[in-house]
Protein backbone atom coordinates (compact mmCIF):
# COMPACT_ATOMS: atom_id res chain seq x y z
CA MET A 1 -6.33 -9.54 -16.02
CA ALA A 2 -5.50 -12.95 -17.41
CA THR A 3 -6.72 -13.37 -20.98
CA ARG A 4 -5.73 -15.66 -23.79
CA LYS A 5 -5.42 -15.27 -27.52
CA ASP A 6 -8.74 -15.68 -29.34
CA SER A 7 -10.52 -15.69 -25.98
CA CYS A 8 -12.98 -12.89 -26.84
CA ASP A 9 -14.10 -11.42 -23.52
CA TRP A 10 -13.31 -14.48 -21.38
CA ARG A 11 -11.42 -13.93 -18.19
CA PHE A 12 -9.11 -16.49 -16.54
CA ASP A 13 -8.27 -14.94 -13.18
CA SER A 14 -9.27 -17.77 -10.87
CA GLY A 15 -6.30 -20.10 -11.07
CA ARG A 16 -8.30 -23.28 -11.81
CA LEU A 17 -10.27 -24.65 -14.76
CA CYS A 18 -13.35 -25.44 -12.63
CA LEU A 19 -13.33 -21.92 -11.16
CA ASP A 20 -13.02 -20.41 -14.60
CA LEU A 21 -16.20 -22.30 -15.59
CA VAL A 22 -18.00 -20.97 -12.49
CA ALA A 23 -16.89 -17.46 -13.42
CA THR A 24 -18.88 -17.60 -16.64
CA GLY A 25 -22.05 -17.62 -14.57
CA THR A 26 -21.22 -14.75 -12.17
CA GLY A 27 -21.95 -11.78 -14.38
CA SER A 28 -24.25 -8.85 -13.75
CA SER A 29 -27.87 -9.63 -12.95
CA GLY A 30 -29.97 -9.59 -16.10
CA ALA A 31 -26.94 -9.90 -18.38
CA PRO A 32 -27.02 -12.67 -21.01
CA ASP A 33 -25.37 -15.94 -20.06
CA PRO A 34 -21.89 -16.02 -21.66
CA LEU A 35 -22.57 -19.66 -22.47
CA GLU A 36 -25.77 -18.84 -24.34
CA ARG A 37 -24.82 -20.48 -27.64
CA PRO A 38 -22.98 -23.67 -28.58
CA GLU A 39 -20.23 -21.72 -30.38
CA ARG A 40 -19.59 -19.71 -27.23
CA LEU A 41 -19.13 -22.90 -25.19
CA ALA A 42 -16.79 -24.26 -27.87
CA GLY A 43 -14.78 -21.02 -27.75
CA TRP A 44 -14.54 -21.16 -23.97
CA LEU A 45 -13.36 -24.79 -23.96
CA VAL A 46 -10.51 -23.86 -26.29
CA ALA A 47 -9.61 -20.58 -24.56
CA ALA A 48 -9.68 -22.22 -21.12
CA GLY A 49 -7.29 -24.93 -22.21
CA ALA A 50 -9.76 -27.77 -21.76
CA VAL A 51 -8.72 -28.88 -25.28
CA PRO A 52 -5.56 -28.06 -27.23
CA ARG A 53 -5.71 -24.89 -29.32
CA GLY A 54 -6.95 -25.57 -32.81
CA THR A 55 -9.19 -28.47 -31.76
CA ARG A 56 -12.41 -28.54 -33.77
CA LEU A 57 -15.51 -28.85 -31.62
CA ASP A 58 -18.17 -29.22 -34.26
CA ALA A 59 -20.25 -31.59 -32.09
CA VAL A 60 -21.04 -28.94 -29.46
CA ASP A 61 -24.78 -28.36 -29.40
CA ASP A 62 -27.57 -27.22 -27.09
CA GLY A 63 -27.33 -30.50 -25.15
CA TRP A 64 -23.71 -29.68 -24.27
CA LEU A 65 -24.82 -26.26 -23.06
CA VAL A 66 -27.36 -27.73 -20.65
CA LEU A 67 -24.85 -30.17 -19.19
CA PHE A 68 -22.03 -27.62 -18.77
CA ARG A 69 -24.39 -25.16 -17.12
CA GLN A 70 -25.53 -27.89 -14.75
CA LEU A 71 -21.91 -28.66 -13.90
CA ARG A 72 -21.21 -24.96 -13.44
CA THR A 73 -24.08 -24.69 -10.95
CA ALA A 74 -22.98 -27.81 -9.06
CA VAL A 75 -19.36 -26.64 -8.71
CA ASP A 76 -20.50 -23.18 -7.64
CA ARG A 77 -22.81 -24.58 -4.95
CA LEU A 78 -20.17 -27.05 -3.81
CA LEU A 79 -17.45 -24.48 -3.38
CA THR A 80 -19.79 -21.88 -1.89
CA ALA A 81 -20.81 -24.45 0.71
CA GLN A 82 -17.14 -25.20 1.30
CA LEU A 83 -16.42 -21.57 2.03
CA GLY A 84 -19.32 -21.47 4.46
CA GLY A 85 -18.36 -24.69 6.21
CA ARG A 86 -21.50 -26.43 5.04
CA ALA A 87 -22.22 -29.67 3.18
CA ALA A 88 -23.57 -29.80 -0.35
CA GLY A 89 -24.46 -33.42 -0.86
CA GLY A 90 -26.40 -33.11 -4.11
CA ALA A 91 -23.78 -30.97 -5.81
CA LEU A 92 -21.00 -33.25 -4.63
CA GLU A 93 -22.76 -36.28 -5.98
CA ARG A 94 -23.24 -34.61 -9.36
CA VAL A 95 -19.57 -33.61 -9.62
CA ASN A 96 -18.41 -37.07 -8.54
CA VAL A 97 -20.59 -38.79 -11.16
CA LEU A 98 -19.18 -36.60 -13.95
CA ALA A 99 -15.58 -36.91 -12.71
CA ALA A 100 -15.82 -40.72 -12.91
CA ALA A 101 -15.85 -40.66 -16.70
CA ALA A 102 -12.58 -40.75 -18.68
CA PRO A 103 -11.17 -37.35 -19.65
CA PRO A 104 -10.02 -36.66 -23.24
CA GLY A 105 -7.04 -38.71 -24.39
CA LEU A 106 -3.93 -36.75 -25.34
CA CYS A 107 -1.12 -37.41 -27.79
CA ALA A 108 1.89 -35.54 -29.13
CA VAL A 109 1.98 -34.64 -32.84
CA ARG A 110 4.44 -32.82 -35.04
CA ALA A 111 3.64 -29.21 -35.85
CA GLY A 112 4.60 -27.55 -39.12
CA ASN A 113 7.90 -26.38 -37.64
CA GLY A 114 8.77 -29.87 -36.41
CA SER A 115 8.05 -29.22 -32.72
CA LEU A 116 5.77 -31.49 -30.71
CA VAL A 117 2.39 -30.12 -29.68
CA ARG A 118 -0.57 -31.51 -27.77
CA ALA A 119 -3.53 -32.95 -29.64
CA LEU A 120 -6.50 -35.13 -28.73
CA SER A 121 -6.14 -38.81 -29.56
CA THR A 122 -9.83 -39.07 -30.48
CA GLU A 123 -12.63 -36.67 -31.32
CA PRO A 124 -13.70 -35.03 -28.06
CA HIS A 125 -17.16 -35.88 -26.70
CA CYS A 126 -19.23 -34.06 -24.10
CA GLY A 127 -18.77 -36.60 -21.29
CA ALA A 128 -14.98 -36.50 -21.54
CA LEU A 129 -14.83 -32.70 -21.37
CA LEU A 130 -17.28 -32.57 -18.48
CA ALA A 131 -15.04 -35.10 -16.74
CA ALA A 132 -11.99 -32.86 -17.24
CA VAL A 133 -13.68 -29.95 -15.43
CA ALA A 134 -15.28 -32.12 -12.77
CA ARG A 135 -11.97 -33.83 -11.99
CA ASP A 136 -10.35 -30.44 -11.56
CA ALA A 137 -13.03 -29.61 -8.99
CA VAL A 138 -12.40 -32.93 -7.17
CA GLU A 139 -8.65 -32.28 -7.14
CA LEU A 140 -9.20 -28.81 -5.70
CA LEU A 141 -11.57 -30.05 -3.01
CA THR A 142 -9.16 -32.77 -1.93
CA ASP A 143 -6.06 -30.60 -1.88
CA PRO A 144 -5.94 -28.88 1.54
CA VAL A 145 -3.18 -26.48 0.54
CA ALA A 146 -4.95 -25.27 -2.60
CA LEU A 147 -8.34 -25.21 -0.90
CA ALA A 148 -7.00 -22.98 1.87
CA GLY A 149 -6.54 -20.30 -0.77
CA LEU A 150 -10.14 -20.39 -2.02
CA ARG A 151 -11.63 -16.89 -1.81
CA ARG A 152 -14.70 -14.91 -2.86
CA CYS A 153 -13.93 -11.58 -4.52
CA GLU A 154 -14.56 -8.58 -2.25
CA GLY A 155 -15.31 -6.27 -5.15
CA ASP A 156 -18.67 -4.52 -5.32
CA ASN A 157 -21.20 -6.57 -7.31
CA CYS A 158 -18.66 -9.36 -7.89
CA ARG A 159 -18.99 -12.87 -6.55
CA ARG A 160 -16.21 -14.64 -8.47
CA LEU A 161 -14.29 -17.40 -6.77
CA TYR A 162 -10.52 -17.54 -7.09
CA LEU A 163 -7.44 -19.07 -5.53
CA ASP A 164 -5.24 -16.68 -3.54
CA THR A 165 -1.66 -17.70 -4.20
CA SER A 166 -0.18 -14.32 -3.26
CA ARG A 167 2.49 -13.96 -0.62
CA GLY A 168 0.77 -13.77 2.75
CA ARG A 169 -2.57 -14.78 1.20
CA ARG A 170 -3.79 -11.17 1.26
CA ARG A 171 -5.33 -10.90 -2.20
CA ARG A 172 -8.83 -9.41 -1.97
CA TRP A 173 -10.02 -9.36 -5.56
CA CYS A 174 -10.45 -11.82 -8.38
CA SER A 175 -8.45 -9.37 -10.53
CA SER A 176 -6.38 -6.43 -9.39
CA GLU A 177 -6.85 -4.91 -12.85
CA VAL A 178 -10.66 -5.17 -12.77
CA CYS A 179 -12.23 -5.23 -9.30
CA GLY A 180 -9.11 -3.96 -7.58
CA ASN A 181 -8.87 -0.97 -9.93
CA ARG A 182 -12.58 -0.20 -9.41
CA GLU A 183 -12.01 -0.15 -5.64
CA ARG A 184 -9.00 2.17 -5.98
CA VAL A 185 -10.93 4.55 -8.23
CA ALA A 186 -13.87 4.62 -5.81
CA ARG A 187 -11.53 5.20 -2.87
CA HIS A 188 -9.84 8.05 -4.72
CA ARG A 189 -13.20 9.64 -5.45
CA ARG A 190 -14.30 9.39 -1.81
CA ARG A 191 -11.02 10.86 -0.64
CA ASN A 192 -11.39 13.87 -2.93
CA ALA A 193 -15.07 14.55 -2.27
CA ASP A 194 -16.21 17.17 0.29
CA PRO A 195 -18.70 16.33 3.06
CA ALA A 196 -21.57 17.17 0.73
CA GLY A 197 -20.34 14.59 -1.72
CA ARG A 198 -19.02 17.13 -4.27
CA ALA A 199 -15.54 16.79 -5.72
CA PRO A 200 -13.33 19.80 -4.87
CA GLU A 201 -12.99 22.36 -7.61
CA ARG A 202 -9.63 22.20 -9.39
CA GLY A 203 -7.43 25.15 -8.48
CA ARG A 204 -9.48 26.27 -5.48
CA PRO A 205 -7.53 26.09 -2.20
CA GLN A 206 -9.02 23.70 0.33
CA PRO A 207 -9.40 24.54 4.02
CA PRO A 208 -6.67 23.03 6.17
CA GLU A 209 -7.49 19.86 8.04
CA PRO A 210 -7.94 20.41 11.78
């Protein structure tokens, strides 16, 4: 499972920034929205790499939450329609409008050890960060090679989107360590259960297979 330092419980298995945003809205039914508070959104933006680590995001407020959730919904609908071979005009228009804004400006600054590190040239504002995510969605949608790897996780109760970059494009789960492991555990239990659904008793010989 791909995680990042100071990322709390965020997961970054999808392979794209826009898909990582969509993943924050694909939790269990009835579970609280991971982007329920401004500080959570600020933490996600840093952990996802939308801004350089250490960037202060003091301006994030409830208004930012509304706009990022709207973008999350639009990207989800757009890519879901893409997987199903359908059009999603309203969602596409929303993403295009946000992608038209200028993304955050970057510069290189000296760190304490003398190395150059990324920093923002100006204080980040909501429109610029929305543009960064929306542009990533546009780049994905217009890249036939990358788009060919778009998948929906086959894990039980999981609907995360991810890019399959594995050899042979045979990856079935958003994360082998999460959904893949659950599938292997369930398969093991089914294999070791008797027809009545009971697990065989340890140490008792089992009847030979016909």
